[in-house]
Each structure stands twice: as structure tokens, then as C-alpha cells.
């Protein structure tokens, strides 16, 4: 699902449909996208600390979405992030971690 969502986000960046929240974020620019990532990260922390699992799931979904928007804005792919995770995992295996 993350890959499908990322492709939708990238498509909205290339061909912004009228009324699209994603297109509005891209038009607002990097500072606004970063602000949203920060807000959503804080909401995940608050949900994790004192709210129920449903709220944590909802806020995590919001954070992932806004993070994907940031990646697309910067031209970074989900594959780039996955490659970094694979690199880190491979390093731990060679060190016995």
C-alpha cells in the first residue's frame, strides 16, 4: 500500500488535480510540508503516550503520508529509503547484530 500511495502522490506532483490536498502541499512548498511532518510526528508521540491503539494507527498513517509527500517533493524515492534500510540490516548481520 505504501508504494501505491507513493505513486499517487508522485502523480499529483506531476499533474496536480484541482482541489487536491496533496497538490496544495506541493504548491505550498518545502517549509509547509516539513511543518506538517513535524505536526504529525508530535501527534504520533502523543497518541503513543496516552491514547488508544486506534488513535496511534490513525496518526501513524498521517505521518507516513506526509513523509511520503516530503520524499516526493525532494525527488527521493521509497526505494531509496528501502535501500538504506537494507544496507543497515546487512551491516548488522555482518557484525552479529
N, C-alpha and C. Protein backbone atom coordinates (compact mmCIF):
# COMPACT_ATOMS: atom_id res chain seq x y z
N UNK A 1 0.81 -1.20 0.00
CA UNK A 1 0.00 0.00 0.00
C UNK A 1 0.86 1.27 0.00
N UNK A 2 2.00 1.25 0.70
CA UNK A 2 2.85 2.45 0.72
C UNK A 2 3.36 2.79 -0.68
N UNK A 3 3.71 1.76 -1.45
CA UNK A 3 4.19 2.02 -2.81
C UNK A 3 3.09 2.61 -3.67
N UNK A 4 1.88 2.09 -3.53
CA UNK A 4 0.75 2.60 -4.32
C UNK A 4 0.47 4.05 -3.92
N UNK A 5 0.44 4.34 -2.63
CA UNK A 5 0.22 5.70 -2.17
C UNK A 5 1.32 6.63 -2.67
N UNK A 6 2.56 6.17 -2.63
CA UNK A 6 3.67 7.00 -3.10
C UNK A 6 3.52 7.33 -4.58
N UNK A 7 3.08 6.37 -5.36
CA UNK A 7 2.88 6.63 -6.79
C UNK A 7 1.75 7.63 -7.03
N UNK A 8 0.70 7.55 -6.23
CA UNK A 8 -0.40 8.53 -6.33
C UNK A 8 0.14 9.93 -5.99
N UNK A 9 0.92 10.02 -4.93
CA UNK A 9 1.50 11.30 -4.52
C UNK A 9 2.39 11.86 -5.63
N UNK A 10 3.24 11.02 -6.19
CA UNK A 10 4.12 11.48 -7.28
C UNK A 10 3.31 11.94 -8.49
N UNK A 11 2.23 11.23 -8.79
CA UNK A 11 1.37 11.62 -9.92
C UNK A 11 0.72 12.97 -9.66
N UNK A 12 0.34 13.22 -8.42
CA UNK A 12 -0.28 14.52 -8.07
C UNK A 12 0.74 15.65 -8.13
N UNK A 13 2.00 15.31 -7.92
CA UNK A 13 3.05 16.32 -8.04
C UNK A 13 3.22 16.70 -9.51
N UNK A 14 3.20 15.70 -10.38
CA UNK A 14 3.42 15.94 -11.81
C UNK A 14 2.20 16.56 -12.49
N UNK A 15 1.00 16.13 -12.08
CA UNK A 15 -0.25 16.61 -12.67
C UNK A 15 -1.23 16.96 -11.55
N UNK A 16 -1.07 18.13 -10.94
CA UNK A 16 -1.87 18.47 -9.78
C UNK A 16 -3.35 18.67 -10.12
N UNK A 17 -4.21 17.79 -9.61
CA UNK A 17 -5.65 17.97 -9.86
C UNK A 17 -6.23 19.09 -8.99
N UNK A 18 -7.20 19.80 -9.51
CA UNK A 18 -7.82 20.87 -8.72
C UNK A 18 -8.44 20.29 -7.44
N UNK A 19 -8.26 21.01 -6.34
CA UNK A 19 -8.86 20.59 -5.08
C UNK A 19 -8.10 19.53 -4.33
N UNK A 20 -6.97 19.07 -4.84
CA UNK A 20 -6.19 18.02 -4.20
C UNK A 20 -5.38 18.57 -3.03
N UNK A 21 -5.53 17.97 -1.86
CA UNK A 21 -4.74 18.36 -0.69
C UNK A 21 -3.26 18.16 -0.96
N UNK A 22 -2.93 17.06 -1.60
CA UNK A 22 -1.53 16.76 -1.92
C UNK A 22 -0.96 17.83 -2.84
N UNK A 23 -1.71 18.21 -3.86
CA UNK A 23 -1.26 19.26 -4.78
C UNK A 23 -1.08 20.58 -4.04
N UNK A 24 -1.96 20.88 -3.09
CA UNK A 24 -1.82 22.11 -2.30
C UNK A 24 -0.55 22.09 -1.46
N UNK A 25 -0.22 20.92 -0.90
CA UNK A 25 1.03 20.81 -0.13
C UNK A 25 2.24 21.08 -1.02
N UNK A 26 2.25 20.48 -2.20
CA UNK A 26 3.37 20.72 -3.12
C UNK A 26 3.47 22.19 -3.49
N UNK A 27 2.33 22.82 -3.74
CA UNK A 27 2.34 24.23 -4.12
C UNK A 27 2.80 25.12 -2.96
N UNK A 28 2.51 24.71 -1.73
CA UNK A 28 2.91 25.49 -0.55
C UNK A 28 4.41 25.42 -0.33
N UNK A 29 5.04 24.35 -0.77
CA UNK A 29 6.48 24.26 -0.70
C UNK A 29 7.03 23.47 0.48
N UNK A 30 8.34 23.37 0.49
CA UNK A 30 9.03 22.50 1.44
C UNK A 30 8.78 22.88 2.90
N UNK A 31 8.78 24.17 3.21
CA UNK A 31 8.58 24.56 4.61
C UNK A 31 7.23 24.09 5.14
N UNK A 32 6.19 24.22 4.33
CA UNK A 32 4.86 23.79 4.77
C UNK A 32 4.81 22.27 4.92
N UNK A 33 5.45 21.56 4.00
CA UNK A 33 5.48 20.10 4.09
C UNK A 33 6.24 19.68 5.35
N UNK A 34 7.36 20.30 5.61
CA UNK A 34 8.14 20.00 6.82
C UNK A 34 7.34 20.29 8.08
N UNK A 35 6.60 21.39 8.06
CA UNK A 35 5.74 21.73 9.20
C UNK A 35 4.72 20.63 9.46
N UNK A 36 4.12 20.12 8.40
CA UNK A 36 3.12 19.05 8.55
C UNK A 36 3.76 17.77 9.06
N UNK A 37 4.95 17.44 8.58
CA UNK A 37 5.66 16.25 9.08
C UNK A 37 5.91 16.40 10.57
N UNK A 38 6.36 17.57 10.99
CA UNK A 38 6.61 17.82 12.40
C UNK A 38 5.35 17.72 13.24
N UNK A 39 4.26 18.30 12.77
CA UNK A 39 2.99 18.23 13.49
C UNK A 39 2.53 16.78 13.65
N UNK A 40 2.62 16.04 12.56
CA UNK A 40 2.16 14.65 12.60
C UNK A 40 3.06 13.80 13.49
N UNK A 41 4.36 14.07 13.49
CA UNK A 41 5.28 13.33 14.36
C UNK A 41 4.90 13.56 15.82
N UNK A 42 4.59 14.81 16.16
CA UNK A 42 4.19 15.11 17.53
C UNK A 42 2.88 14.40 17.89
N UNK A 43 1.97 14.35 16.95
CA UNK A 43 0.69 13.66 17.20
C UNK A 43 0.90 12.16 17.40
N UNK A 44 1.86 11.58 16.69
CA UNK A 44 2.19 10.16 16.91
C UNK A 44 2.74 9.98 18.33
N UNK A 45 3.60 10.87 18.75
CA UNK A 45 4.17 10.78 20.10
C UNK A 45 3.06 10.85 21.14
N UNK A 46 2.17 11.82 20.99
CA UNK A 46 1.07 11.97 21.94
C UNK A 46 0.15 10.76 21.94
N UNK A 47 -0.15 10.24 20.76
CA UNK A 47 -1.01 9.05 20.67
C UNK A 47 -0.32 7.85 21.30
N UNK A 48 0.98 7.72 21.08
CA UNK A 48 1.72 6.59 21.65
C UNK A 48 1.82 6.67 23.16
N UNK A 49 1.83 7.87 23.67
CA UNK A 49 2.00 8.07 25.10
C UNK A 49 0.70 7.88 25.89
N UNK A 50 -0.41 8.40 25.38
CA UNK A 50 -1.58 8.38 26.24
C UNK A 50 -2.90 8.08 25.57
N UNK A 51 -2.88 7.65 24.32
CA UNK A 51 -4.15 7.40 23.64
C UNK A 51 -4.24 5.94 23.25
N UNK A 52 -5.38 5.56 22.72
CA UNK A 52 -5.58 4.15 22.38
C UNK A 52 -4.87 3.77 21.08
N UNK A 53 -4.81 2.48 20.83
CA UNK A 53 -4.10 1.98 19.64
C UNK A 53 -4.71 2.50 18.35
N UNK A 54 -6.02 2.67 18.31
CA UNK A 54 -6.68 3.16 17.09
C UNK A 54 -6.14 4.55 16.75
N UNK A 55 -6.02 5.39 17.75
CA UNK A 55 -5.52 6.75 17.53
C UNK A 55 -4.06 6.72 17.08
N UNK A 56 -3.26 5.82 17.65
CA UNK A 56 -1.87 5.66 17.24
C UNK A 56 -1.79 5.24 15.77
N UNK A 57 -2.66 4.35 15.37
CA UNK A 57 -2.69 3.89 13.97
C UNK A 57 -3.06 5.05 13.04
N UNK A 58 -4.08 5.80 13.41
CA UNK A 58 -4.52 6.93 12.58
C UNK A 58 -3.41 7.98 12.43
N UNK A 59 -2.78 8.31 13.54
CA UNK A 59 -1.73 9.33 13.48
C UNK A 59 -0.49 8.82 12.74
N UNK A 60 -0.21 7.53 12.88
CA UNK A 60 0.92 6.94 12.14
C UNK A 60 0.67 6.99 10.64
N UNK A 61 -0.57 6.74 10.24
CA UNK A 61 -0.93 6.83 8.82
C UNK A 61 -0.73 8.26 8.31
N UNK A 62 -1.16 9.24 9.12
CA UNK A 62 -0.97 10.64 8.73
C UNK A 62 0.51 10.98 8.59
N UNK A 63 1.32 10.51 9.53
CA UNK A 63 2.76 10.79 9.47
C UNK A 63 3.39 10.14 8.24
N UNK A 64 3.06 8.90 7.97
CA UNK A 64 3.61 8.22 6.80
C UNK A 64 3.23 8.95 5.52
N UNK A 65 1.97 9.37 5.42
CA UNK A 65 1.53 10.10 4.22
C UNK A 65 2.36 11.38 4.04
N UNK A 66 2.48 12.17 5.09
CA UNK A 66 3.20 13.44 4.96
C UNK A 66 4.69 13.21 4.70
N UNK A 67 5.25 12.16 5.26
CA UNK A 67 6.64 11.81 4.98
C UNK A 67 6.81 11.43 3.51
N UNK A 68 5.87 10.69 2.96
CA UNK A 68 5.92 10.34 1.54
C UNK A 68 5.82 11.59 0.67
N UNK A 69 5.00 12.55 1.08
CA UNK A 69 4.92 13.82 0.34
C UNK A 69 6.28 14.53 0.35
N UNK A 70 6.92 14.55 1.50
CA UNK A 70 8.25 15.17 1.60
C UNK A 70 9.25 14.47 0.70
N UNK A 71 9.26 13.15 0.73
CA UNK A 71 10.18 12.40 -0.13
C UNK A 71 9.95 12.74 -1.60
N UNK A 72 8.68 12.73 -2.01
CA UNK A 72 8.35 13.03 -3.40
C UNK A 72 8.74 14.46 -3.76
N UNK A 73 8.52 15.38 -2.86
CA UNK A 73 8.88 16.78 -3.11
C UNK A 73 10.38 16.91 -3.37
N UNK A 74 11.16 16.16 -2.59
CA UNK A 74 12.62 16.22 -2.72
C UNK A 74 13.17 15.33 -3.84
N UNK A 75 12.31 14.52 -4.46
CA UNK A 75 12.77 13.63 -5.51
C UNK A 75 13.43 12.37 -5.00
N UNK A 76 13.20 12.07 -3.72
CA UNK A 76 13.70 10.84 -3.11
C UNK A 76 12.61 9.78 -3.25
N UNK A 77 13.01 8.56 -3.56
CA UNK A 77 12.01 7.51 -3.75
C UNK A 77 11.89 6.63 -2.50
N UNK A 78 10.80 5.92 -2.46
CA UNK A 78 10.62 4.94 -1.39
C UNK A 78 11.69 3.86 -1.53
N UNK A 79 12.08 3.55 -2.75
CA UNK A 79 13.16 2.60 -2.99
C UNK A 79 14.48 3.05 -2.40
N UNK A 80 14.73 4.36 -2.40
CA UNK A 80 15.96 4.90 -1.79
C UNK A 80 15.97 4.62 -0.29
N UNK A 81 14.83 4.82 0.35
CA UNK A 81 14.72 4.57 1.79
C UNK A 81 14.84 3.08 2.08
N UNK A 82 14.20 2.27 1.26
CA UNK A 82 14.30 0.81 1.44
C UNK A 82 15.74 0.34 1.28
N UNK A 83 16.45 0.91 0.32
CA UNK A 83 17.85 0.53 0.11
C UNK A 83 18.69 0.87 1.33
N UNK A 84 18.41 2.01 1.95
CA UNK A 84 19.14 2.39 3.16
C UNK A 84 18.84 1.42 4.31
N UNK A 85 17.58 1.03 4.43
CA UNK A 85 17.21 0.05 5.47
C UNK A 85 17.89 -1.29 5.22
N UNK A 86 17.94 -1.71 3.96
CA UNK A 86 18.63 -2.97 3.62
C UNK A 86 20.11 -2.87 3.95
N UNK A 87 20.72 -1.72 3.62
CA UNK A 87 22.14 -1.52 3.91
C UNK A 87 22.40 -1.61 5.41
N UNK A 88 21.54 -0.98 6.19
CA UNK A 88 21.71 -1.03 7.65
C UNK A 88 21.52 -2.43 8.19
N UNK A 89 20.54 -3.13 7.66
CA UNK A 89 20.28 -4.50 8.12
C UNK A 89 21.46 -5.41 7.76
N UNK A 90 21.98 -5.25 6.56
CA UNK A 90 23.11 -6.07 6.13
C UNK A 90 24.33 -5.81 7.02
N UNK A 91 24.52 -4.57 7.41
CA UNK A 91 25.64 -4.23 8.29
C UNK A 91 25.51 -4.87 9.66
N UNK A 92 24.30 -4.96 10.16
CA UNK A 92 24.09 -5.60 11.46
C UNK A 92 24.32 -7.10 11.38
N UNK A 93 23.95 -7.70 10.27
CA UNK A 93 24.16 -9.14 10.13
C UNK A 93 25.65 -9.48 10.11
N UNK A 94 26.46 -8.62 9.48
CA UNK A 94 27.89 -8.91 9.41
C UNK A 94 28.56 -8.66 10.76
N UNK A 95 27.95 -7.82 11.58
CA UNK A 95 28.51 -7.56 12.91
C UNK A 95 27.89 -8.44 13.99
N UNK A 96 26.97 -9.30 13.58
CA UNK A 96 26.35 -10.20 14.55
C UNK A 96 25.21 -9.57 15.32
N UNK A 97 24.62 -8.47 14.79
CA UNK A 97 23.56 -7.78 15.49
C UNK A 97 22.26 -8.22 15.04
